[in-house]
Amino acid sequence: MDASTNHPIDETLFSFDDFSMTRGDFHTLRSGEIFSTFIDVWALRLTLLNTKRALGKPKCIYFSTLVHLQLDPTEQWMKNLPLQKRKENFNERLQYEISKFGNLDVNDADLIFFPVLRHEHYFIVYINTISKSVEIIENKMLPKDVTEADKYEDCPSLLMTALKEYLTAEKSPLLRKIQKLPVSYLAIPWKELDNVIDCGIYVMRHMESYKGNVQDWDSGFKIGTCVNADFLWELRVKYA
């Protein structure tokens, strides 16, 4: 995987439509925060795998970070766009990803995952149409004197508003299922405060393992950052 004259750091190792990963992208799995490309391709893979789910298993749809980034971008020129234009970009990206899944039918989705990259940190906004809730799935504990409203601001509400407007335009029956869902912040025992480099790995594992029921959730994580170090390394190797 190391770069060389014959295999430069910018060599493309994976490509599917507008998803691609270079040798340099793969290097981020060795240490440090991973590139969002990994989460995007992981989301694609999980959605495609779920189309072959066993009878009785929930229908899960996983979007890329690029969907939410249309609403809450990291680049300044995109931040300067009017909100309506950002919503239009959101609609286009959402429709594009649905079409790339083979015109996936979202109308009967049970669980919908939106991985979010915000302020150089990854987390998930997750919609559960079975338990009728919107949940924030996050590996980081809140610092002292910081509230959920302080940290996430209008992130979940803006995403839900844009999604509802999209579903309204599409005349989707999914709209009725998500019309008035409360937002909650999922309480998970392995949240920690000091780890600042593995949030992308946490997001990939949370997307892979969470099926809507905390009591039955076998994420593989334990309480305590040091305890999880070996498991996080195993996941980096696995995801490579």
Protein backbone atom coordinates (compact mmCIF):
# COMPACT_ATOMS: atom_id res chain seq x y z
CA MET A 1 0.00 0.00 0.00
CA ASP A 2 3.04 2.31 0.29
CA ALA A 3 3.56 4.85 -2.48
CA SER A 4 6.37 4.37 -4.99
CA THR A 5 7.46 5.61 -8.38
CA ASN A 6 5.19 3.08 -10.06
CA HIS A 7 2.39 3.55 -7.55
CA PRO A 8 2.10 7.27 -6.64
CA ILE A 9 0.19 8.57 -3.63
CA ASP A 10 -2.60 9.91 -5.87
CA GLU A 11 -3.11 6.61 -7.71
CA THR A 12 -6.80 5.65 -7.83
CA LEU A 13 -7.39 2.27 -6.17
CA PHE A 14 -11.19 2.28 -6.20
CA SER A 15 -13.72 3.98 -8.47
CA PHE A 16 -17.49 3.71 -8.81
CA ASP A 17 -19.38 6.55 -10.52
CA ASP A 18 -18.30 9.66 -8.58
CA PHE A 19 -16.97 7.65 -5.64
CA SER A 20 -13.22 7.08 -5.76
CA MET A 21 -10.35 6.42 -3.35
CA THR A 22 -6.64 6.99 -3.86
CA ARG A 23 -3.61 5.37 -2.28
CA GLY A 24 -3.35 8.46 -0.07
CA ASP A 25 -6.93 7.96 1.13
CA PHE A 26 -6.07 4.42 2.21
CA HIS A 27 -3.04 5.72 4.12
CA THR A 28 -5.40 7.55 6.52
CA LEU A 29 -6.55 4.15 7.79
CA ARG A 30 -3.12 3.63 9.34
CA SER A 31 -3.54 6.44 11.85
CA GLY A 32 -5.36 9.71 12.32
CA GLU A 33 -8.78 10.74 11.09
CA ILE A 34 -9.96 8.97 7.96
CA PHE A 35 -11.09 10.76 4.81
CA SER A 36 -14.84 11.08 4.31
CA THR A 37 -14.48 9.04 1.11
CA PHE A 38 -14.22 5.89 3.22
CA ILE A 39 -17.53 6.58 4.92
CA ASP A 40 -19.16 7.40 1.58
CA VAL A 41 -18.06 4.14 -0.04
CA TRP A 42 -18.94 2.23 3.14
CA ALA A 43 -22.47 3.68 2.99
CA LEU A 44 -22.79 2.56 -0.62
CA ARG A 45 -21.63 -0.94 0.29
CA LEU A 46 -23.98 -1.26 3.28
CA THR A 47 -26.99 -0.16 1.24
CA LEU A 48 -26.22 -2.63 -1.54
CA LEU A 49 -25.70 -5.44 0.98
CA ASN A 50 -29.02 -4.63 2.64
CA THR A 51 -30.89 -5.15 -0.61
CA LYS A 52 -30.11 -8.86 -0.05
CA ARG A 53 -31.23 -8.85 3.60
CA ALA A 54 -32.93 -11.87 5.14
CA LEU A 55 -36.71 -12.00 5.47
CA GLY A 56 -37.86 -10.02 8.51
CA LYS A 57 -34.72 -7.87 8.74
CA PRO A 58 -35.14 -4.08 8.61
CA LYS A 59 -34.71 -2.24 5.33
CA CYS A 60 -31.75 0.08 5.85
CA ILE A 61 -30.58 2.91 3.61
CA TYR A 62 -27.21 4.57 4.11
CA PHE A 63 -26.41 7.85 2.38
CA SER A 64 -22.98 9.41 1.96
CA THR A 65 -21.63 12.42 3.82
CA LEU A 66 -22.06 14.35 0.56
CA VAL A 67 -25.84 14.55 1.04
CA HIS A 68 -25.73 16.50 4.30
CA LEU A 69 -22.72 18.53 3.13
CA GLN A 70 -24.97 20.19 0.53
CA LEU A 71 -26.92 21.77 3.39
CA ASP A 72 -24.09 22.44 5.81
CA PRO A 73 -20.92 22.61 3.70
CA THR A 74 -17.34 22.94 4.85
CA GLU A 75 -16.15 25.10 1.96
CA GLN A 76 -16.81 28.83 2.30
CA TRP A 77 -18.10 29.40 -1.23
CA MET A 78 -20.79 26.78 -0.61
CA LYS A 79 -21.60 28.27 2.80
CA ASN A 80 -22.27 31.56 1.00
CA LEU A 81 -24.97 30.00 -1.19
CA PRO A 82 -28.59 30.91 -0.29
CA LEU A 83 -30.33 28.26 1.79
CA GLN A 84 -32.78 27.51 -1.02
CA LYS A 85 -29.91 26.78 -3.39
CA ARG A 86 -28.30 24.50 -0.81
CA LYS A 87 -31.61 22.66 -0.48
CA GLU A 88 -31.75 22.23 -4.25
CA ASN A 89 -28.23 20.78 -4.16
CA PHE A 90 -29.35 18.47 -1.34
CA ASN A 91 -32.26 17.24 -3.47
CA GLU A 92 -30.01 16.62 -6.46
CA ARG A 93 -27.46 14.69 -4.43
CA LEU A 94 -30.14 12.65 -2.66
CA GLN A 95 -31.78 11.74 -5.95
CA TYR A 96 -28.43 10.92 -7.51
CA GLU A 97 -27.53 8.45 -4.76
CA ILE A 98 -30.97 6.84 -4.86
CA SER A 99 -30.60 6.33 -8.61
CA LYS A 100 -27.10 4.87 -8.20
CA PHE A 101 -28.55 2.24 -5.86
CA GLY A 102 -30.63 0.99 -8.80
CA ASN A 103 -33.51 3.42 -8.26
CA LEU A 104 -33.85 2.18 -4.70
CA ASP A 105 -37.37 2.53 -3.28
CA VAL A 106 -37.06 4.65 -0.13
CA ASN A 107 -40.80 4.69 0.55
CA ASP A 108 -40.75 1.60 2.76
CA ALA A 109 -37.39 2.25 4.46
CA ASP A 110 -37.22 1.24 8.11
CA LEU A 111 -33.87 2.79 9.07
CA ILE A 112 -32.15 5.69 7.29
CA PHE A 113 -28.58 6.77 8.09
CA PHE A 114 -27.12 10.17 7.27
CA PRO A 115 -23.42 10.32 8.24
CA VAL A 116 -22.46 13.92 8.97
CA LEU A 117 -19.12 15.72 8.71
CA ARG A 118 -19.37 18.91 10.72
CA HIS A 119 -16.62 21.00 12.30
CA GLU A 120 -14.07 18.30 11.35
CA HIS A 121 -16.02 15.67 13.29
CA TYR A 122 -18.16 12.73 12.13
CA PHE A 123 -21.45 11.55 13.63
CA ILE A 124 -24.77 10.14 12.40
CA VAL A 125 -28.29 11.52 12.10
CA TYR A 126 -30.42 8.41 12.03
CA ILE A 127 -34.14 8.04 11.26
CA ASN A 128 -36.04 5.07 12.67
CA THR A 129 -39.51 4.78 11.13
CA ILE A 130 -40.28 1.75 13.32
CA SER A 131 -39.72 3.38 16.73
CA LYS A 132 -40.65 6.75 15.19
CA SER A 133 -37.61 8.75 16.24
CA VAL A 134 -34.67 10.74 14.93
CA GLU A 135 -31.48 9.95 16.82
CA ILE A 136 -28.01 11.47 16.95
CA ILE A 137 -25.45 8.65 17.17
CA GLU A 138 -22.20 10.04 18.49
CA ASN A 139 -19.03 8.61 20.06
CA LYS A 140 -18.07 11.83 21.85
CA MET A 141 -19.25 12.89 25.28
CA LEU A 142 -20.29 16.50 25.62
CA PRO A 143 -17.73 18.70 27.37
CA LYS A 144 -18.75 20.28 30.63
CA ASP A 145 -21.18 23.19 30.22
CA VAL A 146 -21.88 22.31 26.56
CA THR A 147 -25.44 21.24 25.68
CA GLU A 148 -26.70 19.24 22.73
CA ALA A 149 -28.23 22.43 21.34
CA ASP A 150 -24.84 24.17 21.61
CA LYS A 151 -23.02 21.41 19.75
CA TYR A 152 -25.47 20.40 17.04
CA GLU A 153 -27.29 23.71 16.59
CA ASP A 154 -29.81 23.38 13.72
CA CYS A 155 -28.09 20.35 12.12
CA PRO A 156 -30.82 17.72 12.72
CA SER A 157 -33.74 20.12 12.18
CA LEU A 158 -32.31 21.50 8.93
CA LEU A 159 -31.69 18.00 7.61
CA MET A 160 -35.21 16.85 8.50
CA THR A 161 -36.80 19.96 7.00
CA ALA A 162 -34.92 19.49 3.71
CA LEU A 163 -35.77 15.79 3.61
CA LYS A 164 -39.47 16.45 4.22
CA GLU A 165 -39.52 19.05 1.44
CA TYR A 166 -37.88 16.56 -0.91
CA LEU A 167 -40.38 13.83 0.00
CA THR A 168 -43.26 16.28 -0.42
CA ALA A 169 -42.11 17.14 -3.94
CA GLU A 170 -41.75 13.43 -4.72
CA LYS A 171 -45.19 12.66 -3.23
CA SER A 172 -43.52 9.93 -1.18
CA PRO A 173 -45.54 8.00 1.44
CA LEU A 174 -42.39 8.03 3.59
CA LEU A 175 -43.25 11.65 4.44
CA ARG A 176 -46.15 10.55 6.61
CA LYS A 177 -43.89 8.26 8.64
CA ILE A 178 -41.32 10.97 9.47
CA GLN A 179 -43.58 14.01 9.63
CA LYS A 180 -43.40 14.64 13.38
CA LEU A 181 -40.52 12.63 14.76
CA PRO A 182 -38.80 13.85 17.94
CA VAL A 183 -35.01 14.27 17.94
CA SER A 184 -33.09 12.46 20.68
CA TYR A 185 -29.42 11.95 21.50
CA LEU A 186 -28.66 8.26 21.76
CA ALA A 187 -27.20 7.29 25.13
CA ILE A 188 -24.45 4.74 24.56
CA PRO A 189 -22.06 3.63 27.32
CA TRP A 190 -18.84 3.75 25.27
CA LYS A 191 -18.91 7.50 24.62
CA GLU A 192 -15.62 9.18 25.53
CA LEU A 193 -14.11 12.65 25.64
CA ASP A 194 -10.43 12.40 24.74
CA ASN A 195 -10.36 10.47 21.44
CA VAL A 196 -10.20 13.02 18.62
CA ILE A 197 -9.03 10.85 15.68
CA ASP A 198 -11.33 7.82 15.48
CA CYS A 199 -14.79 9.36 15.03
CA GLY A 200 -14.88 8.21 11.38
CA ILE A 201 -14.14 4.62 12.42
CA TYR A 202 -16.87 4.85 15.07
CA VAL A 203 -19.33 6.07 12.43
CA MET A 204 -18.51 3.19 10.08
CA ARG A 205 -18.91 0.64 12.88
CA HIS A 206 -22.10 2.26 14.19
CA MET A 207 -23.61 2.20 10.69
CA GLU A 208 -22.61 -1.42 10.25
CA SER A 209 -23.88 -2.73 13.58
CA TYR A 210 -26.82 -0.61 14.75
CA LYS A 211 -30.25 -1.99 13.81
CA GLY A 212 -32.47 0.30 15.87
CA ASN A 213 -32.43 -1.34 19.29
CA VAL A 214 -29.83 -0.21 21.83
CA GLN A 215 -30.49 -3.16 24.14
CA ASP A 216 -29.59 -5.66 21.40
CA TRP A 217 -26.74 -3.59 19.96
CA ASP A 218 -23.45 -5.48 19.80
CA SER A 219 -21.08 -2.78 18.57
CA GLY A 220 -17.94 -4.42 19.93
CA PHE A 221 -17.00 -1.27 21.87
CA LYS A 222 -16.40 -1.24 25.61
CA ILE A 223 -16.39 1.54 28.19
CA GLY A 224 -13.08 3.42 28.17
CA THR A 225 -10.87 4.78 25.39
CA CYS A 226 -7.84 2.61 26.28
CA VAL A 227 -9.97 -0.53 26.29
CA ASN A 228 -11.18 0.22 22.73
CA ALA A 229 -7.75 0.95 21.25
CA ASP A 230 -7.11 -2.61 20.04
CA PHE A 231 -10.63 -2.97 18.63
CA LEU A 232 -10.36 0.34 16.77
CA TRP A 233 -7.10 -0.86 15.20
CA GLU A 234 -8.78 -4.13 14.19
CA LEU A 235 -11.53 -2.12 12.52
CA ARG A 236 -8.97 -0.02 10.61
CA VAL A 237 -7.43 -3.24 9.30
CA LYS A 238 -10.85 -4.68 8.44
CA TYR A 239 -12.04 -1.58 6.60
CA ALA A 240 -8.85 -1.45 4.52
